[in-house]
N, C-alpha and C. Protein backbone atom coordinates (compact mmCIF):
# COMPACT_ATOMS: atom_id res chain seq x y z
N MET A 1 4.22 44.64 21.02
CA MET A 1 4.81 44.11 20.41
C MET A 1 5.75 42.30 19.88
N ALA A 2 5.83 42.12 21.09
CA ALA A 2 6.94 40.91 21.44
C ALA A 2 5.34 40.06 21.41
N GLY A 3 4.25 40.30 21.69
CA GLY A 3 2.75 39.99 21.72
C GLY A 3 2.87 39.33 20.20
N ARG A 4 2.66 40.95 19.09
CA ARG A 4 2.45 40.65 18.00
C ARG A 4 3.59 39.65 17.59
N ARG A 5 4.45 39.78 17.58
CA ARG A 5 5.44 39.02 16.86
C ARG A 5 5.12 37.56 16.89
N GLU A 6 5.18 36.93 18.60
CA GLU A 6 4.70 35.74 18.42
C GLU A 6 3.69 35.43 17.28
N LEU A 7 2.70 35.96 17.87
CA LEU A 7 1.48 36.12 16.54
C LEU A 7 1.43 35.57 15.66
N ASN A 8 2.77 36.11 14.58
CA ASN A 8 2.87 36.59 13.30
C ASN A 8 3.53 35.13 13.25
N MET A 9 4.08 34.53 13.46
CA MET A 9 4.76 33.85 13.89
C MET A 9 3.84 32.06 13.70
N ARG A 10 3.21 32.12 14.73
CA ARG A 10 2.56 31.09 14.93
C ARG A 10 1.57 31.24 13.41
N ARG A 11 1.51 32.14 12.76
CA ARG A 11 0.47 32.70 11.35
C ARG A 11 1.10 31.72 10.68
N ARG A 12 2.41 32.19 10.21
CA ARG A 12 3.22 31.57 9.57
C ARG A 12 3.73 30.07 9.99
N LYS A 13 3.63 29.53 10.55
CA LYS A 13 4.04 28.07 11.11
C LYS A 13 2.65 27.34 10.51
N ARG A 14 1.59 27.99 11.19
CA ARG A 14 0.50 27.71 10.42
C ARG A 14 0.34 27.37 8.79
N ARG A 15 0.68 28.17 7.98
CA ARG A 15 0.20 28.37 6.63
C ARG A 15 1.59 28.01 6.67
N ILE A 16 2.53 27.28 6.93
CA ILE A 16 3.41 26.52 6.22
C ILE A 16 3.11 25.47 6.34
N LEU A 17 2.84 24.80 7.28
CA LEU A 17 1.89 23.16 7.78
C LEU A 17 0.71 23.00 6.72
N GLU A 18 0.16 23.97 6.54
CA GLU A 18 -1.04 23.59 6.13
C GLU A 18 -1.08 23.50 4.32
N ALA A 19 0.10 24.30 3.99
CA ALA A 19 0.53 24.00 2.25
C ALA A 19 1.19 22.85 2.33
N ALA A 20 1.75 22.22 3.55
CA ALA A 20 3.13 21.23 3.49
C ALA A 20 1.73 19.90 3.05
N THR A 21 0.79 20.02 3.94
CA THR A 21 -0.41 19.03 3.79
C THR A 21 -0.98 18.86 2.73
N LYS A 22 -1.15 19.93 2.03
CA LYS A 22 -1.96 19.86 0.50
C LYS A 22 -1.03 19.43 -0.63
N LEU A 23 0.44 19.57 -0.27
CA LEU A 23 1.57 19.20 -1.37
C LEU A 23 1.55 18.12 -1.14
N ILE A 24 1.84 17.22 -0.19
CA ILE A 24 2.12 15.64 0.39
C ILE A 24 0.92 15.30 0.11
N SER A 25 -0.49 15.18 0.40
CA SER A 25 -1.57 14.69 -0.02
C SER A 25 -1.95 14.79 -1.55
N ASN A 26 -1.87 15.48 -1.83
CA ASN A 26 -1.89 15.58 -3.14
C ASN A 26 -0.45 15.10 -4.07
N GLY A 27 0.30 15.04 -4.00
CA GLY A 27 1.74 14.50 -4.74
C GLY A 27 2.91 13.76 -4.20
N GLY A 28 2.48 13.79 -2.99
CA GLY A 28 3.64 12.85 -2.29
C GLY A 28 4.66 13.65 -1.51
N VAL A 29 5.45 13.24 -0.84
CA VAL A 29 6.56 14.00 -0.25
C VAL A 29 7.32 14.48 -1.23
N GLU A 30 7.54 14.03 -2.52
CA GLU A 30 8.49 14.32 -3.38
C GLU A 30 7.74 16.00 -3.91
N ALA A 31 7.17 16.00 -4.04
CA ALA A 31 6.04 17.38 -3.96
C ALA A 31 6.62 18.50 -3.64
N CYS A 32 6.59 17.99 -1.94
CA CYS A 32 7.31 19.05 -1.31
C CYS A 32 8.44 19.01 -0.72
N THR A 33 8.32 20.25 -2.41
CA THR A 33 10.47 20.73 -2.08
C THR A 33 10.14 21.99 -1.08
N MET A 34 11.46 22.36 -0.63
CA MET A 34 11.30 23.54 -0.10
C MET A 34 10.96 24.58 -0.76
N ARG A 35 11.51 24.72 -1.92
CA ARG A 35 11.02 25.76 -2.77
C ARG A 35 9.38 26.00 -3.46
N GLU A 36 8.85 25.04 -3.29
CA GLU A 36 7.80 24.89 -3.72
C GLU A 36 6.58 25.49 -2.59
N LEU A 37 7.17 24.51 -1.59
CA LEU A 37 6.33 24.76 0.06
C LEU A 37 6.52 26.33 -0.07
N ALA A 38 7.80 26.87 -0.40
CA ALA A 38 7.58 28.48 0.14
C ALA A 38 6.85 29.07 -0.52
N ARG A 39 6.57 28.78 -1.84
CA ARG A 39 5.62 29.46 -2.54
C ARG A 39 4.67 29.27 -2.24
N LYS A 40 3.85 27.93 -1.82
CA LYS A 40 2.66 27.71 -1.59
C LYS A 40 2.50 28.51 -0.56
N ALA A 41 3.32 28.55 0.88
CA ALA A 41 2.86 29.09 1.98
C ALA A 41 3.37 30.66 2.45
N ARG A 42 3.53 31.17 0.78
CA ARG A 42 3.75 32.69 0.49
C ARG A 42 5.03 33.65 0.93
N LEU A 43 5.85 32.34 1.11
CA LEU A 43 7.06 33.05 2.16
C LEU A 43 8.53 32.41 1.34
N ASP A 44 9.56 33.30 1.51
CA ASP A 44 10.46 33.46 0.91
C ASP A 44 11.27 32.26 1.19
N VAL A 45 12.26 31.34 0.31
CA VAL A 45 12.83 29.96 0.67
C VAL A 45 13.56 30.27 2.40
N THR A 46 14.62 31.77 2.26
CA THR A 46 14.84 31.56 3.58
C THR A 46 14.34 31.70 4.92
N THR A 47 13.15 32.47 5.32
CA THR A 47 12.47 32.69 5.85
C THR A 47 11.65 31.03 6.17
N LEU A 48 11.19 30.44 5.48
CA LEU A 48 11.06 28.97 5.62
C LEU A 48 11.88 28.13 6.16
N TYR A 49 13.23 28.66 5.65
CA TYR A 49 14.45 27.53 6.46
C TYR A 49 14.61 27.94 7.78
N ASN A 50 14.11 29.47 8.21
CA ASN A 50 14.42 29.63 9.47
C ASN A 50 13.11 29.40 10.65
N TYR A 51 12.17 28.44 9.94
CA TYR A 51 11.12 27.80 10.95
C TYR A 51 11.22 26.33 10.89
N TYR A 52 11.68 26.10 9.53
CA TYR A 52 12.07 24.24 9.55
C TYR A 52 13.27 24.28 9.03
N GLY A 53 14.05 23.51 9.43
CA GLY A 53 15.34 23.36 8.65
C GLY A 53 15.21 22.58 7.08
N SER A 54 14.60 21.03 7.48
CA SER A 54 14.20 20.15 6.48
C SER A 54 13.01 19.54 6.37
N LYS A 55 12.60 18.93 5.39
CA LYS A 55 11.65 18.13 5.29
C LYS A 55 11.28 17.31 6.17
N GLU A 56 12.18 16.79 6.90
CA GLU A 56 11.97 15.81 8.22
C GLU A 56 11.23 16.46 9.18
N GLU A 57 11.72 17.78 9.33
CA GLU A 57 11.34 18.69 10.28
C GLU A 57 9.83 19.09 10.17
N ILE A 58 9.21 19.14 8.85
CA ILE A 58 8.00 19.75 8.84
C ILE A 58 7.27 18.60 9.27
N LEU A 59 7.38 17.12 8.64
CA LEU A 59 6.76 15.83 8.62
C LEU A 59 6.85 15.50 10.04
N GLU A 60 7.99 15.87 11.23
CA GLU A 60 7.51 16.29 12.28
C GLU A 60 6.71 16.80 13.03
N ALA A 61 6.25 18.09 12.82
CA ALA A 61 5.59 18.92 13.23
C ALA A 61 4.01 18.57 12.97
N LEU A 62 4.28 17.89 11.31
CA LEU A 62 3.06 17.05 10.95
C LEU A 62 2.39 15.90 12.18
N ARG A 63 3.28 14.92 12.70
CA ARG A 63 3.15 14.54 13.41
C ARG A 63 2.70 15.35 15.06
N ARG A 64 3.32 15.82 15.19
CA ARG A 64 2.77 16.87 16.62
C ARG A 64 1.41 17.04 16.41
N SER A 65 0.88 17.57 15.50
CA SER A 65 -0.48 18.12 15.12
C SER A 65 -1.62 16.78 14.84
N GLY A 66 -0.76 15.76 14.44
CA GLY A 66 -1.72 14.83 14.71
C GLY A 66 -2.19 14.05 16.04
N ALA A 67 -0.86 13.92 16.87
CA ALA A 67 -0.98 14.00 18.55
C ALA A 67 -2.09 14.97 19.21
N ARG A 68 -1.80 16.14 18.82
CA ARG A 68 -2.98 16.97 19.86
C ARG A 68 -4.19 16.61 18.91
N LYS A 69 -4.61 16.35 17.53
CA LYS A 69 -6.25 16.03 17.30
C LYS A 69 -5.94 14.39 18.03
N LEU A 70 -5.30 13.57 18.40
CA LEU A 70 -5.96 12.28 18.79
C LEU A 70 -5.85 12.98 20.58
N GLU A 71 -5.41 14.03 21.20
CA GLU A 71 -5.82 14.25 22.42
C GLU A 71 -6.78 14.87 22.57
N ARG A 72 -7.58 15.34 21.58
CA ARG A 72 -8.65 16.07 21.64
C ARG A 72 -9.61 15.04 21.60
N ARG A 73 -9.60 14.19 20.24
CA ARG A 73 -10.64 12.85 19.91
C ARG A 73 -11.03 12.53 21.13
N ILE A 74 -9.59 11.60 21.70
CA ILE A 74 -10.07 11.05 22.97
C ILE A 74 -10.58 11.79 23.89
N GLY A 75 -10.82 12.94 24.02
CA GLY A 75 -10.93 13.55 25.04
C GLY A 75 -12.68 13.87 24.77
N GLN A 76 -13.17 13.31 23.53
CA GLN A 76 -14.21 13.64 23.39
C GLN A 76 -15.08 12.15 23.31
N LEU A 77 -14.34 11.19 23.98
CA LEU A 77 -15.27 10.04 23.62
C LEU A 77 -16.10 9.99 24.55
N GLU A 78 -17.46 9.38 24.39
CA GLU A 78 -18.46 9.19 25.45
C GLU A 78 -18.26 7.86 25.77
N GLU A 79 -17.55 6.88 25.49
CA GLU A 79 -17.20 5.05 26.52
C GLU A 79 -16.90 5.62 27.39
N THR A 80 -17.53 4.91 28.09
CA THR A 80 -17.16 4.98 29.90
C THR A 80 -15.86 3.71 30.58
N GLU A 81 -16.61 2.51 29.56
CA GLU A 81 -15.84 1.27 30.24
C GLU A 81 -14.31 1.15 30.12
N PRO A 82 -13.55 0.95 30.68
CA PRO A 82 -12.15 0.70 30.38
C PRO A 82 -11.78 -0.01 29.16
N PHE A 83 -12.53 -0.81 29.00
CA PHE A 83 -12.08 -2.43 28.26
C PHE A 83 -12.69 -1.34 26.73
N ASP A 84 -13.73 -0.74 27.21
CA ASP A 84 -14.64 -0.01 25.76
C ASP A 84 -13.58 1.06 25.68
N ARG A 85 -12.81 1.55 26.30
CA ARG A 85 -12.08 2.91 25.86
C ARG A 85 -10.96 2.56 25.15
N ILE A 86 -9.90 1.55 25.96
CA ILE A 86 -8.95 1.19 25.40
C ILE A 86 -9.25 0.94 23.63
N ARG A 87 -10.36 0.16 23.21
CA ARG A 87 -10.60 -0.05 21.75
C ARG A 87 -11.05 1.07 21.27
N ALA A 88 -11.39 1.93 22.00
CA ALA A 88 -11.78 3.48 20.86
C ALA A 88 -10.72 3.92 20.75
N ILE A 89 -9.32 4.27 21.73
CA ILE A 89 -8.54 4.78 21.64
C ILE A 89 -7.62 4.43 20.63
N VAL A 90 -7.32 2.97 20.47
CA VAL A 90 -6.60 2.68 19.20
C VAL A 90 -7.08 2.47 17.95
N ASP A 91 -9.03 2.55 17.74
CA ASP A 91 -9.27 3.09 16.75
C ASP A 91 -8.97 4.30 16.41
N LEU A 92 -9.09 5.58 16.94
CA LEU A 92 -8.54 6.83 17.15
C LEU A 92 -7.62 6.88 16.38
N MET A 93 -6.48 6.40 17.31
CA MET A 93 -5.04 6.37 16.86
C MET A 93 -4.66 5.95 15.58
N LEU A 94 -5.61 4.93 15.06
CA LEU A 94 -5.71 4.57 13.88
C LEU A 94 -6.66 5.49 12.61
N GLY A 95 -6.71 6.00 12.75
CA GLY A 95 -8.11 6.86 12.44
C GLY A 95 -7.27 7.97 11.75
N VAL A 96 -6.50 8.80 12.90
CA VAL A 96 -5.61 9.98 13.09
C VAL A 96 -4.87 9.92 11.95
N ARG A 97 -4.29 8.32 11.95
CA ARG A 97 -2.89 8.16 11.45
C ARG A 97 -3.23 8.08 9.68
N GLU A 98 -4.81 7.96 9.57
CA GLU A 98 -5.19 7.02 8.46
C GLU A 98 -5.41 8.61 7.38
N SER A 99 -5.68 9.48 8.20
CA SER A 99 -7.00 10.49 7.20
C SER A 99 -6.12 11.64 7.69
N PRO A 100 -5.75 12.43 6.35
CA PRO A 100 -5.75 12.07 4.98
C PRO A 100 -5.14 11.11 4.36
N PRO A 101 -5.29 9.88 3.56
CA PRO A 101 -4.12 9.06 3.72
C PRO A 101 -3.27 8.99 2.68
N GLY A 102 -3.31 10.27 1.54
CA GLY A 102 -2.12 10.87 1.45
C GLY A 102 -1.38 11.58 2.00
N LEU A 103 -1.15 12.30 3.19
CA LEU A 103 -0.47 12.50 4.81
C LEU A 103 0.07 11.60 5.10
N ALA A 104 -0.75 10.38 5.87
CA ALA A 104 -0.47 9.63 6.84
C ALA A 104 0.30 8.74 6.34
N ARG A 105 0.12 8.40 4.99
CA ARG A 105 0.92 7.25 4.56
C ARG A 105 2.24 7.59 4.88
N PRO A 106 2.94 8.99 4.28
CA PRO A 106 4.71 9.21 4.20
C PRO A 106 5.11 9.32 6.16
N ILE A 107 3.79 9.83 6.74
CA ILE A 107 4.01 10.24 8.12
C ILE A 107 4.27 8.92 9.04
N ASN A 108 3.97 8.14 8.05
CA ASN A 108 3.83 6.48 9.22
C ASN A 108 5.15 5.73 8.46
N GLN A 109 5.65 5.99 7.53
CA GLN A 109 6.91 5.63 7.03
C GLN A 109 8.23 5.75 7.84
N PRO A 110 8.58 4.60 8.46
CA PRO A 110 9.98 4.77 9.34
C PRO A 110 11.51 5.56 8.83
N GLY A 111 11.51 6.16 9.08
CA GLY A 111 13.37 6.80 8.46
C GLY A 111 14.38 6.39 9.16
N PRO A 112 15.65 6.86 8.80
CA PRO A 112 17.03 6.24 9.52
C PRO A 112 16.90 6.70 10.74
N ARG A 113 15.85 7.93 10.98
CA ARG A 113 16.43 8.19 12.33
C ARG A 113 15.18 8.50 12.71
N ARG A 114 14.05 7.29 12.50
CA ARG A 114 12.63 7.42 13.16
C ARG A 114 12.42 6.37 13.49
N ARG A 115 12.61 5.43 14.37
CA ARG A 115 11.64 3.99 14.55
C ARG A 115 10.47 3.77 14.81
N PRO A 116 9.72 3.00 14.28
CA PRO A 116 8.02 3.17 14.68
C PRO A 116 7.93 2.99 16.21
N GLY A 117 6.82 3.73 16.47
CA GLY A 117 6.60 3.35 17.96
C GLY A 117 6.98 4.33 18.84
N ASN A 118 7.70 5.98 18.05
CA ASN A 118 8.46 6.37 19.04
C ASN A 118 8.29 8.34 18.74
N GLY A 119 7.11 7.99 17.65
CA GLY A 119 6.57 9.42 17.68
C GLY A 119 5.59 9.91 18.68
N PRO A 120 5.00 10.87 18.33
CA PRO A 120 4.26 11.57 19.63
C PRO A 120 2.74 11.58 19.63
N ILE A 121 2.43 10.87 18.38
CA ILE A 121 0.91 10.18 17.75
C ILE A 121 0.59 8.82 18.78
N GLU A 122 2.09 7.81 18.83
CA GLU A 122 2.20 6.48 20.09
C GLU A 122 2.32 7.40 21.53
N GLY A 123 2.84 8.19 21.58
CA GLY A 123 3.05 8.79 22.87
C GLY A 123 1.96 9.03 23.61
N VAL A 124 1.01 10.14 23.06
CA VAL A 124 -0.54 10.50 23.56
C VAL A 124 -1.55 8.93 23.80
N ALA A 125 -1.06 8.04 22.58
CA ALA A 125 -2.09 6.88 22.95
C ALA A 125 -1.14 6.00 24.01
N ARG A 126 -0.20 6.02 24.16
CA ARG A 126 0.31 5.14 25.26
C ARG A 126 0.21 5.46 26.58
N VAL A 127 0.16 7.15 26.63
CA VAL A 127 -0.16 7.63 28.20
C VAL A 127 -1.86 7.57 28.21
N HIS A 128 -2.69 7.40 27.73
CA HIS A 128 -4.11 7.19 27.83
C HIS A 128 -4.22 5.57 27.96
N LEU A 129 -3.80 4.72 26.85
CA LEU A 129 -3.92 3.30 27.56
C LEU A 129 -3.33 2.89 28.64
N GLU A 130 -2.19 3.58 29.28
CA GLU A 130 -1.90 2.80 30.73
C GLU A 130 -2.93 3.20 31.55
N ALA A 131 -3.42 4.63 31.45
CA ALA A 131 -4.85 5.08 32.36
C ALA A 131 -5.48 4.09 32.56
N GLU A 132 -6.30 3.71 31.46
CA GLU A 132 -7.22 2.46 31.17
C GLU A 132 -7.08 1.25 31.51
N LEU A 133 -5.31 0.90 31.51
CA LEU A 133 -5.55 -0.33 31.88
C LEU A 133 -5.48 -0.37 33.33
N ARG A 134 -4.80 0.81 33.84
CA ARG A 134 -4.81 1.03 35.33
C ARG A 134 -5.95 0.99 36.02
N GLN A 135 -7.36 1.59 35.40
CA GLN A 135 -8.78 2.11 35.81
C GLN A 135 -9.09 0.26 36.13
N ALA A 136 -8.90 -0.40 34.40
CA ALA A 136 -9.51 -1.85 34.67
C ALA A 136 -8.81 -2.58 35.77
N ALA A 137 -7.37 -2.44 35.73
CA ALA A 137 -7.23 -3.17 36.90
C ALA A 137 -7.67 -3.16 38.71
N ALA A 138 -8.15 -1.22 38.69
CA ALA A 138 -8.43 -1.32 39.82
C ALA A 138 -9.82 -1.76 39.75
N ASP A 139 -10.42 -1.77 38.61
CA ASP A 139 -11.60 -2.31 38.94
C ASP A 139 -12.16 -3.63 39.19
N GLY A 140 -10.87 -4.35 39.33
CA GLY A 140 -10.87 -6.02 39.59
C GLY A 140 -11.15 -6.34 38.18
N ASP A 141 -10.50 -5.90 37.05
CA ASP A 141 -11.03 -6.59 35.66
C ASP A 141 -9.68 -7.11 34.92
N LEU A 142 -8.50 -6.58 35.59
CA LEU A 142 -7.06 -7.55 35.52
C LEU A 142 -6.27 -8.15 36.65
N VAL A 143 -5.55 -8.91 35.97
CA VAL A 143 -4.65 -9.83 36.83
C VAL A 143 -4.18 -9.11 38.16
N PRO A 144 -3.57 -8.92 38.93
CA PRO A 144 -2.81 -8.12 40.01
C PRO A 144 -1.59 -8.24 39.94
N SER A 145 -0.94 -8.91 38.89
CA SER A 145 0.03 -9.49 38.56
C SER A 145 0.67 -8.30 37.28
N VAL A 146 -0.60 -8.05 36.26
CA VAL A 146 -0.20 -7.30 35.23
C VAL A 146 0.78 -6.22 35.12
N ASP A 147 1.84 -6.41 34.20
CA ASP A 147 2.35 -4.87 34.08
C ASP A 147 1.69 -4.43 33.14
N ILE A 148 1.29 -3.00 33.66
CA ILE A 148 0.80 -2.10 32.90
C ILE A 148 1.10 -1.59 31.77
N GLU A 149 2.96 -1.20 32.15
CA GLU A 149 3.19 -0.01 31.13
C GLU A 149 3.53 -0.96 29.69
N GLN A 150 3.94 -2.16 30.00
CA GLN A 150 4.21 -3.94 29.40
C GLN A 150 3.24 -3.99 28.42
N LEU A 151 1.64 -3.95 29.07
CA LEU A 151 1.04 -4.57 28.33
C LEU A 151 0.40 -3.61 27.30
N ALA A 152 0.89 -2.41 27.34
CA ALA A 152 0.08 -1.05 26.58
C ALA A 152 1.48 -1.25 25.68
N LEU A 153 2.28 -1.24 25.86
CA LEU A 153 3.36 -0.92 24.82
C LEU A 153 3.31 -2.27 23.78
N VAL A 154 2.90 -3.30 24.61
CA VAL A 154 2.37 -4.92 23.78
C VAL A 154 1.70 -4.28 22.45
N MET A 155 -0.02 -3.95 23.54
CA MET A 155 -0.99 -3.89 22.19
C MET A 155 -0.64 -3.22 21.16
N LEU A 156 0.25 -1.33 21.37
CA LEU A 156 0.68 -0.54 20.42
C LEU A 156 1.84 -1.12 19.26
N GLY A 157 2.40 -2.04 19.75
CA GLY A 157 3.48 -2.91 19.44
C GLY A 157 2.97 -3.72 18.06
N HIS A 158 1.84 -4.04 17.79
CA HIS A 158 1.30 -4.80 17.01
C HIS A 158 0.60 -3.50 15.63
N ALA A 159 0.18 -2.93 16.40
CA ALA A 159 -0.11 -1.25 15.13
C ALA A 159 1.27 -0.68 14.96
N HIS A 160 2.47 -1.04 15.41
CA HIS A 160 3.54 -0.28 14.85
C HIS A 160 4.12 -0.94 13.31
N VAL A 161 3.48 -2.61 13.76
CA VAL A 161 3.71 -3.15 12.33
C VAL A 161 3.16 -3.31 11.39
N TRP A 162 1.87 -3.24 11.62
CA TRP A 162 0.83 -3.35 10.28
C TRP A 162 0.81 -1.78 9.98
N LEU A 163 1.05 -0.19 10.38
CA LEU A 163 1.09 0.81 10.05
C LEU A 163 1.75 1.06 8.83
N PRO A 164 3.34 0.73 9.19
CA PRO A 164 4.01 1.06 8.11
C PRO A 164 3.69 -0.15 6.78
N LEU A 165 2.95 -1.27 6.92
CA LEU A 165 2.77 -1.69 6.08
C LEU A 165 1.56 -1.37 5.36
N TRP A 166 0.93 -0.64 6.05
CA TRP A 166 -0.35 0.09 5.40
C TRP A 166 0.07 1.32 4.35
N ALA A 167 1.16 1.69 5.53
CA ALA A 167 1.79 3.09 4.69
C ALA A 167 2.23 2.84 3.00
N ARG A 168 2.82 1.61 3.53
CA ARG A 168 3.56 1.00 1.90
C ARG A 168 2.95 0.25 0.83
N ARG A 169 0.99 0.56 1.10
CA ARG A 169 -0.03 0.11 0.47
C ARG A 169 0.18 -1.49 0.24
N VAL A 170 0.44 -2.38 1.10
CA VAL A 170 0.84 -3.72 1.40
C VAL A 170 -0.55 -4.00 1.42
N VAL A 171 -1.51 -3.55 2.56
CA VAL A 171 -2.60 -3.65 3.18
C VAL A 171 -3.19 -2.40 3.64
N ASP A 172 -4.99 -2.76 3.38
CA ASP A 172 -5.65 -1.60 3.36
C ASP A 172 -6.02 -1.66 4.63
N ALA A 173 -6.96 -0.11 5.30
CA ALA A 173 -6.98 0.35 6.31
C ALA A 173 -7.66 -0.42 6.90
N GLU A 174 -8.59 -1.23 6.27
CA GLU A 174 -9.65 -2.30 7.01
C GLU A 174 -8.98 -3.67 7.60
N GLU A 175 -7.79 -4.07 6.48
CA GLU A 175 -7.07 -5.24 7.36
C GLU A 175 -6.58 -4.57 8.23
N THR A 176 -5.74 -3.38 8.24
CA THR A 176 -5.13 -3.13 9.25
C THR A 176 -5.55 -2.89 10.68
N ALA A 177 -6.78 -2.27 10.48
CA ALA A 177 -7.81 -2.18 11.88
C ALA A 177 -8.40 -3.47 12.52
N ALA A 178 -8.71 -4.07 11.16
CA ALA A 178 -9.33 -5.84 11.88
C ALA A 178 -7.84 -6.44 12.79
N ARG A 179 -6.89 -6.23 12.01
CA ARG A 179 -5.75 -7.39 12.86
C ARG A 179 -5.26 -6.60 14.07
N VAL A 180 -5.07 -5.39 13.99
CA VAL A 180 -4.84 -4.81 15.41
C VAL A 180 -5.93 -4.64 16.17
N GLY A 181 -7.28 -4.62 15.78
CA GLY A 181 -8.33 -4.68 17.05
C GLY A 181 -8.30 -6.25 17.51
N TYR A 182 -8.07 -7.49 16.67
CA TYR A 182 -8.06 -8.87 17.15
C TYR A 182 -7.00 -8.84 18.06
N PHE A 183 -5.64 -8.33 17.57
CA PHE A 183 -4.51 -8.39 18.73
C PHE A 183 -4.82 -7.48 19.68
N VAL A 184 -5.40 -6.47 20.10
CA VAL A 184 -5.87 -6.04 20.90
C VAL A 184 -6.75 -7.18 22.01
N SER A 185 -7.56 -7.42 21.53
CA SER A 185 -8.86 -8.58 22.34
C SER A 185 -8.00 -9.47 22.95
N LEU A 186 -7.00 -10.17 21.89
CA LEU A 186 -5.96 -11.31 22.37
C LEU A 186 -5.32 -10.78 23.79
N CYS A 187 -4.87 -9.25 23.73
CA CYS A 187 -4.32 -9.23 25.26
C CYS A 187 -4.72 -8.79 25.95
N LEU A 188 -5.91 -8.13 25.78
CA LEU A 188 -6.97 -7.98 27.10
C LEU A 188 -7.06 -9.49 27.82
N LEU A 189 -7.51 -10.12 26.87
CA LEU A 189 -8.31 -11.63 27.31
C LEU A 189 -7.05 -12.27 28.11
N ALA A 190 -5.53 -12.13 27.68
CA ALA A 190 -4.63 -12.73 28.29
C ALA A 190 -4.65 -12.46 30.09
N ALA A 191 -5.09 -10.59 30.20
CA ALA A 191 -4.47 -10.19 31.51
C ALA A 191 -5.90 -10.51 31.98
N ALA A 192 -7.17 -10.65 31.55
CA ALA A 192 -8.16 -10.57 32.10
C ALA A 192 -8.50 -11.65 33.56
N THR A 193 -8.99 -10.66 34.90
CA THR A 193 -9.51 -11.85 35.31
C THR A 193 -10.62 -12.81 35.39
N ASP A 194 -11.10 -13.98 35.88
CA ASP A 194 -11.87 -14.68 35.42
C ASP A 194 -13.56 -13.95 35.38
N ALA A 195 -13.31 -13.00 35.99
CA ALA A 195 -14.82 -12.34 36.27
C ALA A 195 -15.28 -11.74 35.08
N ALA A 196 -13.75 -11.08 34.76
CA ALA A 196 -14.02 -9.86 33.04
C ALA A 196 -13.99 -10.72 31.44
N ARG A 197 -13.76 -12.36 32.35
CA ARG A 197 -12.87 -13.15 30.65
C ARG A 197 -14.48 -13.49 30.26
N PRO A 198 -15.53 -13.79 30.61
CA PRO A 198 -16.98 -14.05 29.64
C PRO A 198 -17.29 -12.73 28.75
N ARG A 199 -17.21 -11.74 29.31
CA ARG A 199 -17.61 -10.75 27.82
C ARG A 199 -16.02 -10.23 27.34
N LEU A 200 -15.56 -10.62 27.58
CA LEU A 200 -14.15 -10.16 27.05
C LEU A 200 -14.06 -11.67 25.45
N GLU A 201 -14.12 -12.73 25.83
CA GLU A 201 -14.38 -14.15 25.33
C GLU A 201 -15.97 -13.71 24.29
N GLN A 202 -16.63 -13.06 24.63
CA GLN A 202 -17.45 -13.35 23.40
C GLN A 202 -16.96 -11.69 22.52
N GLU A 203 -16.17 -10.56 23.04
CA GLU A 203 -15.50 -9.87 22.16
C GLU A 203 -14.87 -10.32 21.61
N MET A 204 -13.95 -11.31 21.73
CA MET A 204 -13.01 -11.96 20.96
C MET A 204 -13.27 -13.03 19.66
N LEU A 205 -14.68 -13.71 20.03
CA LEU A 205 -15.31 -14.53 18.65
C LEU A 205 -15.73 -13.25 17.70
N GLU A 206 -16.40 -12.41 18.77
CA GLU A 206 -16.74 -11.48 16.92
C GLU A 206 -15.53 -10.60 16.19
N SER A 207 -14.50 -10.57 17.34
CA SER A 207 -12.97 -9.96 16.39
C SER A 207 -12.85 -11.13 15.65
N GLN A 208 -12.59 -12.25 16.16
CA GLN A 208 -11.96 -13.31 15.38
C GLN A 208 -12.98 -13.73 13.78
N SER A 209 -14.14 -13.48 13.81
CA SER A 209 -14.82 -13.65 12.58
C SER A 209 -15.37 -12.50 12.12
N ARG A 210 -15.12 -11.49 12.55
CA ARG A 210 -14.69 -9.92 11.57
C ARG A 210 -13.68 -10.24 10.88
N LEU A 211 -12.42 -10.99 11.35
CA LEU A 211 -11.18 -11.16 10.71
C LEU A 211 -11.26 -12.14 9.86
N ALA A 212 -11.97 -13.36 10.38
CA ALA A 212 -12.43 -14.83 9.42
C ALA A 212 -13.07 -14.21 7.74
N ALA A 213 -13.95 -12.88 7.95
CA ALA A 213 -14.76 -12.64 6.70
C ALA A 213 -13.50 -12.13 5.96
N LEU A 214 -13.04 -11.45 6.83
CA LEU A 214 -11.91 -10.42 5.73
C LEU A 214 -10.71 -11.13 5.09
N ASP A 215 -9.96 -12.37 6.14
CA ASP A 215 -9.17 -13.16 5.13
C ASP A 215 -9.94 -13.96 4.07
N ALA A 216 -11.01 -14.36 4.08
CA ALA A 216 -12.37 -14.80 2.86
C ALA A 216 -12.21 -14.47 1.85
N GLU A 217 -12.20 -12.75 2.10
CA GLU A 217 -12.08 -11.72 1.14
C GLU A 217 -11.08 -11.72 0.00
N LEU A 218 -9.93 -11.68 1.23
CA LEU A 218 -9.32 -11.27 0.28
C LEU A 218 -8.21 -12.56 -0.22
N GLU A 219 -8.92 -13.93 0.32
CA GLU A 219 -8.40 -14.98 -0.65
C GLU A 219 -9.01 -15.20 -1.97
N VAL A 220 -10.66 -15.13 -1.88
CA VAL A 220 -11.21 -14.72 -3.22
C VAL A 220 -10.86 -13.21 -4.14
N ALA A 221 -9.48 -12.41 -3.77
CA ALA A 221 -9.29 -11.36 -4.39
C ALA A 221 -8.11 -11.77 -4.94
N ALA A 222 -7.52 -12.36 -4.38
CA ALA A 222 -6.51 -12.96 -4.72
C ALA A 222 -6.27 -14.07 -5.80
N GLY A 223 -7.67 -15.23 -5.64
CA GLY A 223 -7.83 -16.00 -6.62
C GLY A 223 -7.96 -15.50 -7.95
């Protein structure tokens, strides 16, 4: 009996989040009123409030869902080298948060009780970045004095600057990915040993080239 009740609860929560995803993706957070959400999820409003007490609780549940998706996608990565995996993890984090854009933009908006970089998606990315940085250090590709936790935070900090700008439509997804990727390359190069620098310098030049091309396109569009 308890098992069936638990199953019904999970199904209702899934229905609520699926309905919230559709409402927010199509009409923004404003379209996701609790009354309309209850209607879409085929529940009465009182039952909905028993599961989620506010719209912010629903957004946080959607962030946790994104974190689980990111965890799965990181587990499917084919890259084996730590530096390649670091870039891939950052790209995946950006991709998870940008898809679908109608949902990801409100999720990335900082609120009065939510600071950038403090959510479940960032938590998953940070844990995996630290693991890959430790492996790079063990392989002799990072200088022994590097602070792994601080380096991971600095890398993610740049994403926390650009993602809210993307969420507010100040920049597009391509520019966000290019600028965050360039900064990640800078961080890795700054912490690399002499043996690892030649490859990273080449990748840095490629990242610079992509960013320069993007800046040229933006200048033409603005002119």
